[in-house]
N, C-alpha and C. Protein backbone atom coordinates (compact mmCIF):
# COMPACT_ATOMS: atom_id res chain seq x y z
N UNK A 1 -212.10 -6.95 0.76
CA UNK A 1 -213.29 -7.08 -0.06
C UNK A 1 -212.94 -7.93 -1.27
N UNK A 2 -213.84 -8.76 -1.65
CA UNK A 2 -213.70 -9.49 -2.90
C UNK A 2 -214.92 -9.17 -3.75
N UNK A 3 -214.77 -9.32 -5.05
CA UNK A 3 -215.93 -9.11 -5.91
C UNK A 3 -215.92 -10.14 -7.02
N UNK A 4 -217.11 -10.41 -7.51
CA UNK A 4 -217.28 -11.34 -8.62
C UNK A 4 -218.29 -10.75 -9.59
N UNK A 5 -218.22 -11.22 -10.82
CA UNK A 5 -219.20 -10.80 -11.82
C UNK A 5 -220.04 -12.01 -12.17
N UNK A 6 -221.35 -11.83 -12.12
CA UNK A 6 -222.27 -12.90 -12.48
C UNK A 6 -223.47 -12.30 -13.18
N UNK A 7 -223.76 -12.77 -14.37
CA UNK A 7 -224.89 -12.31 -15.16
C UNK A 7 -224.88 -10.79 -15.38
N UNK A 8 -223.70 -10.22 -15.55
CA UNK A 8 -223.59 -8.80 -15.84
C UNK A 8 -223.65 -7.90 -14.62
N UNK A 9 -223.86 -8.46 -13.43
CA UNK A 9 -223.89 -7.67 -12.20
C UNK A 9 -222.60 -7.91 -11.42
N UNK A 10 -222.27 -6.97 -10.58
CA UNK A 10 -221.09 -7.10 -9.73
C UNK A 10 -221.52 -7.32 -8.29
N UNK A 11 -220.80 -8.22 -7.63
CA UNK A 11 -221.12 -8.65 -6.28
C UNK A 11 -219.87 -8.56 -5.42
N UNK A 12 -220.03 -8.14 -4.16
CA UNK A 12 -218.89 -7.94 -3.27
C UNK A 12 -219.17 -8.57 -1.91
N UNK A 13 -218.10 -8.96 -1.24
CA UNK A 13 -218.22 -9.52 0.10
C UNK A 13 -216.95 -9.27 0.88
N UNK A 14 -216.97 -9.53 2.15
CA UNK A 14 -215.80 -9.31 2.99
C UNK A 14 -216.14 -9.51 4.44
N UNK A 15 -215.93 -8.46 5.25
CA UNK A 15 -216.21 -8.58 6.67
C UNK A 15 -216.49 -7.19 7.26
N UNK A 16 -217.07 -7.21 8.44
CA UNK A 16 -217.26 -6.01 9.24
C UNK A 16 -216.24 -6.09 10.36
N UNK A 17 -215.39 -5.09 10.50
CA UNK A 17 -214.43 -5.02 11.60
C UNK A 17 -215.01 -4.11 12.68
N UNK A 18 -215.07 -4.61 13.91
CA UNK A 18 -215.64 -3.87 15.02
C UNK A 18 -214.53 -3.54 16.01
N UNK A 19 -214.26 -2.26 16.17
CA UNK A 19 -213.17 -1.78 17.02
C UNK A 19 -213.71 -1.23 18.34
N UNK A 20 -212.85 -1.24 19.34
CA UNK A 20 -213.16 -0.59 20.60
C UNK A 20 -214.00 -1.41 21.56
N UNK A 21 -214.06 -2.71 21.37
CA UNK A 21 -214.81 -3.56 22.30
C UNK A 21 -213.96 -3.75 23.56
N UNK A 22 -214.51 -3.37 24.73
CA UNK A 22 -213.73 -3.49 25.96
C UNK A 22 -213.21 -4.92 26.17
N UNK A 23 -211.94 -5.00 26.55
CA UNK A 23 -211.34 -6.30 26.81
C UNK A 23 -210.83 -7.03 25.58
N UNK A 24 -211.06 -6.46 24.40
CA UNK A 24 -210.60 -7.08 23.15
C UNK A 24 -209.41 -6.29 22.62
N UNK A 25 -208.31 -6.96 22.41
CA UNK A 25 -207.11 -6.29 21.90
C UNK A 25 -207.14 -6.14 20.38
N UNK A 26 -207.94 -6.96 19.72
CA UNK A 26 -208.05 -6.95 18.26
C UNK A 26 -209.51 -6.70 17.89
N UNK A 27 -209.74 -6.22 16.68
CA UNK A 27 -211.14 -6.00 16.28
C UNK A 27 -211.89 -7.33 16.19
N UNK A 28 -213.17 -7.27 16.50
CA UNK A 28 -214.05 -8.42 16.29
C UNK A 28 -214.48 -8.36 14.84
N UNK A 29 -214.56 -9.50 14.20
CA UNK A 29 -214.90 -9.56 12.78
C UNK A 29 -216.18 -10.36 12.56
N UNK A 30 -217.08 -9.79 11.77
CA UNK A 30 -218.25 -10.52 11.30
C UNK A 30 -218.06 -10.75 9.80
N UNK A 31 -218.10 -11.99 9.37
CA UNK A 31 -218.04 -12.28 7.95
C UNK A 31 -219.25 -11.70 7.25
N UNK A 32 -219.03 -11.12 6.09
CA UNK A 32 -220.11 -10.47 5.35
C UNK A 32 -220.34 -11.24 4.06
N UNK A 33 -221.50 -11.91 3.94
CA UNK A 33 -221.78 -12.65 2.71
C UNK A 33 -221.78 -11.74 1.49
N UNK A 34 -221.68 -12.34 0.34
CA UNK A 34 -221.63 -11.58 -0.92
C UNK A 34 -222.97 -10.91 -1.19
N UNK A 35 -222.88 -9.60 -1.46
CA UNK A 35 -224.06 -8.78 -1.77
C UNK A 35 -223.80 -7.98 -3.04
N UNK A 36 -224.85 -7.43 -3.61
CA UNK A 36 -224.71 -6.60 -4.81
C UNK A 36 -223.76 -5.45 -4.48
N UNK A 37 -222.86 -5.13 -5.40
CA UNK A 37 -221.83 -4.12 -5.14
C UNK A 37 -222.42 -2.75 -4.83
N UNK A 38 -223.54 -2.38 -5.44
CA UNK A 38 -224.18 -1.10 -5.09
C UNK A 38 -224.56 -1.08 -3.62
N UNK A 39 -225.10 -2.21 -3.14
CA UNK A 39 -225.49 -2.31 -1.74
C UNK A 39 -224.26 -2.31 -0.85
N UNK A 40 -223.21 -2.99 -1.30
CA UNK A 40 -221.94 -3.02 -0.54
C UNK A 40 -221.42 -1.60 -0.34
N UNK A 41 -221.40 -0.82 -1.40
CA UNK A 41 -220.88 0.55 -1.32
C UNK A 41 -221.70 1.40 -0.37
N UNK A 42 -223.04 1.30 -0.46
CA UNK A 42 -223.90 2.09 0.41
C UNK A 42 -223.77 1.63 1.86
N UNK A 43 -223.78 0.32 2.08
CA UNK A 43 -223.66 -0.23 3.43
C UNK A 43 -222.31 0.14 4.05
N UNK A 44 -221.24 0.08 3.26
CA UNK A 44 -219.91 0.44 3.76
C UNK A 44 -219.87 1.89 4.22
N UNK A 45 -220.47 2.78 3.44
CA UNK A 45 -220.53 4.19 3.82
C UNK A 45 -221.33 4.39 5.10
N UNK A 46 -222.43 3.68 5.23
CA UNK A 46 -223.25 3.77 6.43
C UNK A 46 -222.47 3.27 7.64
N UNK A 47 -221.74 2.17 7.48
CA UNK A 47 -220.96 1.62 8.59
C UNK A 47 -219.88 2.57 9.08
N UNK A 48 -219.32 3.39 8.18
CA UNK A 48 -218.27 4.33 8.57
C UNK A 48 -218.72 5.26 9.70
N UNK A 49 -220.02 5.57 9.75
CA UNK A 49 -220.54 6.48 10.77
C UNK A 49 -221.32 5.77 11.87
N UNK A 50 -221.43 4.45 11.80
CA UNK A 50 -222.24 3.69 12.76
C UNK A 50 -221.44 3.41 14.02
N UNK A 51 -221.97 3.83 15.17
CA UNK A 51 -221.33 3.58 16.46
C UNK A 51 -222.39 3.14 17.46
N UNK A 52 -221.99 2.24 18.35
CA UNK A 52 -222.86 1.82 19.44
C UNK A 52 -222.03 1.80 20.73
N UNK A 53 -222.72 1.67 21.84
CA UNK A 53 -222.04 1.58 23.13
C UNK A 53 -221.94 0.14 23.61
N UNK A 54 -222.49 -0.78 22.84
CA UNK A 54 -222.40 -2.20 23.15
C UNK A 54 -222.23 -2.97 21.84
N UNK A 55 -221.78 -4.20 21.94
CA UNK A 55 -221.58 -5.03 20.76
C UNK A 55 -222.92 -5.53 20.25
N UNK A 56 -223.22 -5.22 18.99
CA UNK A 56 -224.46 -5.68 18.37
C UNK A 56 -224.19 -6.96 17.60
N UNK A 57 -225.23 -7.77 17.46
CA UNK A 57 -225.16 -8.98 16.65
C UNK A 57 -225.26 -8.59 15.17
N UNK A 58 -224.74 -9.45 14.32
CA UNK A 58 -224.71 -9.21 12.88
C UNK A 58 -226.11 -8.88 12.34
N UNK A 59 -227.09 -9.72 12.66
CA UNK A 59 -228.44 -9.52 12.11
C UNK A 59 -229.04 -8.19 12.55
N UNK A 60 -228.71 -7.74 13.76
CA UNK A 60 -229.22 -6.46 14.24
C UNK A 60 -228.61 -5.28 13.48
N UNK A 61 -227.34 -5.41 13.13
CA UNK A 61 -226.68 -4.36 12.34
C UNK A 61 -227.34 -4.26 10.96
N UNK A 62 -227.54 -5.41 10.33
CA UNK A 62 -228.18 -5.42 9.00
C UNK A 62 -229.58 -4.82 9.07
N UNK A 63 -230.36 -5.23 10.08
CA UNK A 63 -231.73 -4.71 10.23
C UNK A 63 -231.74 -3.20 10.44
N UNK A 64 -230.81 -2.69 11.23
CA UNK A 64 -230.73 -1.25 11.48
C UNK A 64 -230.38 -0.51 10.19
N UNK A 65 -229.41 -1.03 9.44
CA UNK A 65 -229.05 -0.41 8.16
C UNK A 65 -230.26 -0.36 7.23
N UNK A 66 -230.94 -1.49 7.08
CA UNK A 66 -232.08 -1.54 6.15
C UNK A 66 -233.20 -0.61 6.59
N UNK A 67 -233.41 -0.48 7.89
CA UNK A 67 -234.45 0.42 8.39
C UNK A 67 -234.06 1.88 8.14
N UNK A 68 -232.84 2.24 8.51
CA UNK A 68 -232.41 3.64 8.34
C UNK A 68 -232.27 4.07 6.89
N UNK A 69 -231.77 3.16 6.05
CA UNK A 69 -231.50 3.52 4.66
C UNK A 69 -232.72 3.34 3.76
N UNK A 70 -233.65 2.51 4.20
CA UNK A 70 -234.79 2.20 3.34
C UNK A 70 -234.43 1.27 2.20
N UNK A 71 -233.27 0.64 2.28
CA UNK A 71 -232.79 -0.27 1.24
C UNK A 71 -232.74 -1.69 1.79
N UNK A 72 -233.12 -2.64 0.97
CA UNK A 72 -232.99 -4.05 1.31
C UNK A 72 -231.76 -4.56 0.59
N UNK A 73 -230.84 -5.17 1.34
CA UNK A 73 -229.61 -5.69 0.74
C UNK A 73 -229.95 -6.86 -0.18
N UNK A 74 -229.38 -6.83 -1.37
CA UNK A 74 -229.54 -7.92 -2.34
C UNK A 74 -228.38 -8.88 -2.16
N UNK A 75 -228.64 -10.00 -1.48
CA UNK A 75 -227.62 -11.01 -1.24
C UNK A 75 -227.52 -11.93 -2.44
N UNK A 76 -226.31 -12.31 -2.83
CA UNK A 76 -226.10 -13.20 -3.97
C UNK A 76 -226.81 -14.53 -3.75
N UNK A 77 -226.76 -15.08 -2.54
CA UNK A 77 -227.39 -16.37 -2.27
C UNK A 77 -228.89 -16.34 -2.55
N UNK A 78 -229.53 -15.18 -2.41
CA UNK A 78 -230.96 -15.06 -2.67
C UNK A 78 -231.26 -14.93 -4.16
N UNK A 79 -230.26 -14.54 -4.94
CA UNK A 79 -230.43 -14.33 -6.37
C UNK A 79 -230.24 -15.60 -7.18
N UNK A 80 -229.61 -16.58 -6.58
CA UNK A 80 -229.32 -17.82 -7.31
C UNK A 80 -230.48 -18.76 -7.29
């Protein structure tokens, strides 16, 4: 995870590591754009318990999180 401070807010980014994909010896990684650190913390906690039986696309994971949590992720690129 990396974080930056801009205009008094904290922003974090990194990646999603996906384990247990059949035929993959290493985790699959989705790059995670920089988001508000509060959202990063909540999303990270949600991901700890998130499991599927098939590999989901990045956008589908984000949509599921936002639907279940009722939170819209604040992306840094949208704030600029």
